[in-house]
C-alpha atoms as a PDB file:
ATOM      1  CA  UNK A   1     280.727  -3.239 122.581  1.00  0.00           C
ATOM      2  CA  UNK A   2     283.547  -4.371 124.856  1.00  0.00           C
ATOM      3  CA  UNK A   3     286.024  -2.296 122.855  1.00  0.00           C
ATOM      4  CA  UNK A   4     283.960   0.848 123.423  1.00  0.00           C
ATOM      5  CA  UNK A   5     283.887   0.176 127.153  1.00  0.00           C
ATOM      6  CA  UNK A   6     287.639  -0.420 127.211  1.00  0.00           C
ATOM      7  CA  UNK A   7     288.285   2.820 125.305  1.00  0.00           C
ATOM      8  CA  UNK A   8     286.006   4.742 127.656  1.00  0.00           C
ATOM      9  CA  UNK A   9     287.724   3.323 130.758  1.00  0.00           C
ATOM     10  CA  UNK A  10     291.175   3.950 129.290  1.00  0.00           C
ATOM     11  CA  UNK A  11     290.380   7.566 128.425  1.00  0.00           C
ATOM     12  CA  UNK A  12     288.841   8.113 131.869  1.00  0.00           C
ATOM     13  CA  UNK A  13     291.916   6.672 133.593  1.00  0.00           C
ATOM     14  CA  UNK A  14     294.267   8.663 131.362  1.00  0.00           C
ATOM     15  CA  UNK A  15     292.412  11.930 131.885  1.00  0.00           C
ATOM     16  CA  UNK A  16     292.207  11.509 135.646  1.00  0.00           C
ATOM     17  CA  UNK A  17     295.922  10.622 135.797  1.00  0.00           C
ATOM     18  CA  UNK A  18     296.856  13.686 133.749  1.00  0.00           C
ATOM     19  CA  UNK A  19     294.779  15.951 135.994  1.00  0.00           C
ATOM     20  CA  UNK A  20     296.303  14.403 139.121  1.00  0.00           C
ATOM     21  CA  UNK A  21     299.898  14.787 137.929  1.00  0.00           C
ATOM     22  CA  UNK A  22     299.287  18.328 136.678  1.00  0.00           C
ATOM     23  CA  UNK A  23     297.859  19.332 140.035  1.00  0.00           C
ATOM     24  CA  UNK A  24     300.886  17.851 141.813  1.00  0.00           C
ATOM     25  CA  UNK A  25     303.508  19.421 139.563  1.00  0.00           C
ATOM     26  CA  UNK A  26     301.880  22.808 138.941  1.00  0.00           C
ATOM     27  CA  UNK A  27     300.665  23.518 142.452  1.00  0.00           C
ATOM     28  CA  UNK A  28     302.269  26.288 144.462  1.00  0.00           C
ATOM     29  CA  UNK A  29     304.194  24.821 147.359  1.00  0.00           C
ATOM     30  CA  UNK A  30     304.898  26.984 150.363  1.00  0.00           C
ATOM     31  CA  UNK A  31     306.647  25.027 153.123  1.00  0.00           C
ATOM     32  CA  UNK A  32     305.642  27.479 155.811  1.00  0.00           C
ATOM     33  CA  UNK A  33     305.715  25.997 159.318  1.00  0.00           C
ATOM     34  CA  UNK A  34     302.457  27.653 160.288  1.00  0.00           C
ATOM     35  CA  UNK A  35     300.615  26.327 157.259  1.00  0.00           C
ATOM     36  CA  UNK A  36     301.519  22.703 157.870  1.00  0.00           C
ATOM     37  CA  UNK A  37     301.084  22.744 161.646  1.00  0.00           C
ATOM     38  CA  UNK A  38     298.016  21.612 163.553  1.00  0.00           C
ATOM     39  CA  UNK A  39     295.458  24.264 164.386  1.00  0.00           C
ATOM     40  CA  UNK A  40     293.535  23.805 167.622  1.00  0.00           C
ATOM     41  CA  UNK A  41     291.380  26.911 168.003  1.00  0.00           C
ATOM     42  CA  UNK A  42     294.326  29.278 168.285  1.00  0.00           C
ATOM     43  CA  UNK A  43     296.195  27.266 170.905  1.00  0.00           C
ATOM     44  CA  UNK A  44     299.416  25.381 170.484  1.00  0.00           C
ATOM     45  CA  UNK A  45     298.743  21.698 169.822  1.00  0.00           C
ATOM     46  CA  UNK A  46     298.394  19.587 172.936  1.00  0.00           C
ATOM     47  CA  UNK A  47     299.568  16.351 171.295  1.00  0.00           C
ATOM     48  CA  UNK A  48     301.544  15.374 168.235  1.00  0.00           C
ATOM     49  CA  UNK A  49     299.646  14.382 165.122  1.00  0.00           C
ATOM     50  CA  UNK A  50     300.990  10.849 165.163  1.00  0.00           C
ATOM     51  CA  UNK A  51     298.997   9.831 168.229  1.00  0.00           C
ATOM     52  CA  UNK A  52     297.400   6.422 167.753  1.00  0.00           C
ATOM     53  CA  UNK A  53     293.726   6.059 168.507  1.00  0.00           C
ATOM     54  CA  UNK A  54     291.457   3.152 169.176  1.00  0.00           C
ATOM     55  CA  UNK A  55     290.803   0.664 166.407  1.00  0.00           C
ATOM     56  CA  UNK A  56     287.187   0.533 167.597  1.00  0.00           C
ATOM     57  CA  UNK A  57     286.471   3.688 165.613  1.00  0.00           C
ATOM     58  CA  UNK A  58     287.266   1.754 162.444  1.00  0.00           C
ATOM     59  CA  UNK A  59     285.088  -1.142 163.599  1.00  0.00           C
ATOM     60  CA  UNK A  60     282.123   1.155 164.179  1.00  0.00           C
ATOM     61  CA  UNK A  61     282.697   2.779 160.780  1.00  0.00           C
ATOM     62  CA  UNK A  62     282.811  -0.598 159.040  1.00  0.00           C
ATOM     63  CA  UNK A  63     279.659  -1.770 160.820  1.00  0.00           C
ATOM     64  CA  UNK A  64     277.937   1.444 159.773  1.00  0.00           C
ATOM     65  CA  UNK A  65     278.962   0.893 156.159  1.00  0.00           C
ATOM     66  CA  UNK A  66     277.808  -2.734 156.191  1.00  0.00           C
ATOM     67  CA  UNK A  67     274.368  -1.874 157.525  1.00  0.00           C
ATOM     68  CA  UNK A  68     274.137   1.169 155.285  1.00  0.00           C
ATOM     69  CA  UNK A  69     274.800  -1.058 152.285  1.00  0.00           C
ATOM     70  CA  UNK A  70     272.183  -3.459 153.621  1.00  0.00           C
ATOM     71  CA  UNK A  71     269.616  -0.687 153.326  1.00  0.00           C
ATOM     72  CA  UNK A  72     270.738  -0.006 149.761  1.00  0.00           C
ATOM     73  CA  UNK A  73     270.133  -3.664 148.857  1.00  0.00           C
ATOM     74  CA  UNK A  74     266.864  -4.030 150.763  1.00  0.00           C
ATOM     75  CA  UNK A  75     265.190  -0.831 149.564  1.00  0.00           C
ATOM     76  CA  UNK A  76     264.495  -1.992 145.969  1.00  0.00           C
ATOM     77  CA  UNK A  77     263.080  -5.254 147.310  1.00  0.00           C
ATOM     78  CA  UNK A  78     260.781  -3.398 149.685  1.00  0.00           C
ATOM     79  CA  UNK A  79     259.501  -1.101 146.951  1.00  0.00           C
ATOM     80  CA  UNK A  80     258.628  -4.048 144.685  1.00  0.00           C
ATOM     81  CA  UNK A  81     257.405  -6.368 147.429  1.00  0.00           C
ATOM     82  CA  UNK A  82     254.364  -7.504 145.457  1.00  0.00           C
ATOM     83  CA  UNK A  83     256.584  -8.770 142.598  1.00  0.00           C
ATOM     84  CA  UNK A  84     258.906 -10.904 144.731  1.00  0.00           C
ATOM     85  CA  UNK A  85     258.625 -14.686 144.477  1.00  0.00           C
ATOM     86  CA  UNK A  86     259.401 -17.199 147.235  1.00  0.00           C
ATOM     87  CA  UNK A  87     263.005 -17.741 146.191  1.00  0.00           C
ATOM     88  CA  UNK A  88     263.722 -14.002 146.342  1.00  0.00           C
ATOM     89  CA  UNK A  89     262.096 -13.795 149.764  1.00  0.00           C
ATOM     90  CA  UNK A  90     264.303 -16.663 150.917  1.00  0.00           C
ATOM     91  CA  UNK A  91     267.395 -14.813 149.668  1.00  0.00           C
ATOM     92  CA  UNK A  92     266.289 -11.609 151.422  1.00  0.00           C
ATOM     93  CA  UNK A  93     265.716 -13.401 154.723  1.00  0.00           C
ATOM     94  CA  UNK A  94     269.005 -15.271 154.403  1.00  0.00           C
ATOM     95  CA  UNK A  95     270.800 -11.968 153.754  1.00  0.00           C
ATOM     96  CA  UNK A  96     269.244 -10.392 156.849  1.00  0.00           C
ATOM     97  CA  UNK A  97     269.975 -13.468 158.987  1.00  0.00           C
ATOM     98  CA  UNK A  98     273.660 -13.466 157.980  1.00  0.00           C
ATOM     99  CA  UNK A  99     273.967  -9.784 158.895  1.00  0.00           C
ATOM    100  CA  UNK A 100     272.201 -10.270 162.237  1.00  0.00           C
ATOM    101  CA  UNK A 101     274.400 -13.275 163.071  1.00  0.00           C
ATOM    102  CA  UNK A 102     277.466 -11.180 162.277  1.00  0.00           C
ATOM    103  CA  UNK A 103     276.214  -8.364 164.502  1.00  0.00           C
ATOM    104  CA  UNK A 104     275.481 -10.761 167.383  1.00  0.00           C
ATOM    105  CA  UNK A 105     278.912 -12.353 166.978  1.00  0.00           C
ATOM    106  CA  UNK A 106     280.601  -8.951 167.115  1.00  0.00           C
ATOM    107  CA  UNK A 107     278.524  -7.958 170.123  1.00  0.00           C
ATOM    108  CA  UNK A 108     279.337 -11.169 172.025  1.00  0.00           C
ATOM    109  CA  UNK A 109     283.049 -10.845 171.237  1.00  0.00           C
ATOM    110  CA  UNK A 110     282.998  -7.394 172.858  1.00  0.00           C
ATOM    111  CA  UNK A 111     283.686  -5.431 169.708  1.00  0.00           C
ATOM    112  CA  UNK A 112     280.959  -2.934 170.510  1.00  0.00           C
ATOM    113  CA  UNK A 113     281.930  -2.439 174.155  1.00  0.00           C
ATOM    114  CA  UNK A 114     283.859   0.711 175.044  1.00  0.00           C
ATOM    115  CA  UNK A 115     286.298   0.446 177.901  1.00  0.00           C
END
């Protein structure tokens, strides 16, 4: 059984690598300045593309992903709520408490405040 899984993963990795390298080597490359430049609604770009932006965007994205994954884990438990024993309820509440404590910590540290 493990050998079949290994063969499947190996073939999947090999096939995806072949497709990736073929697309890189066989693609038509046209180093035209207009094609690789920034397009801002027909105007010349106002800033260069290498402008740094606030790390808070990444923080908000990570918080969104964490709480989105929380919903993915809590949905099956909510659908089968009549089949859940006390230990599972304890684990669910502990999971929610850890996430809420993390959110409160981030809020108190000022991670959600925009300046």
